[in-house]
């Protein structure tokens, strides 16, 4: 499955959650829930941030680097289980860092 098709599938699976979005980056996609990054699509497939809620939901998930020298993430084993996938993302939210504040644009003279 191509990265674009997988991204569409992930969006469909998580459609019941508010604030799901993604951005194409470096040949893959980064996924957000309420402006917090929770995972992405990389060469290895859909990877999820390695936080306690994700480890609890996917105890046998393999740790894989998203890119060379990247911090290991968890291979998503819940893609085809819509309810479990949504529940995991919801439970991850309090464990994810808040979005960085956007810098105000400077006015040009």
Foldseek 3Di string as FASTA:
>chain_A
DAQVVLVVLQCVLQVVAPQWDWDDDDRWIFIDRVQFTAWIQAPVGTFGADDPLQCVLPVPFDWDARDVPHDTTTDDPCSPPSVSVNVSVVVCVVVTDHHDDDDDDDDDD
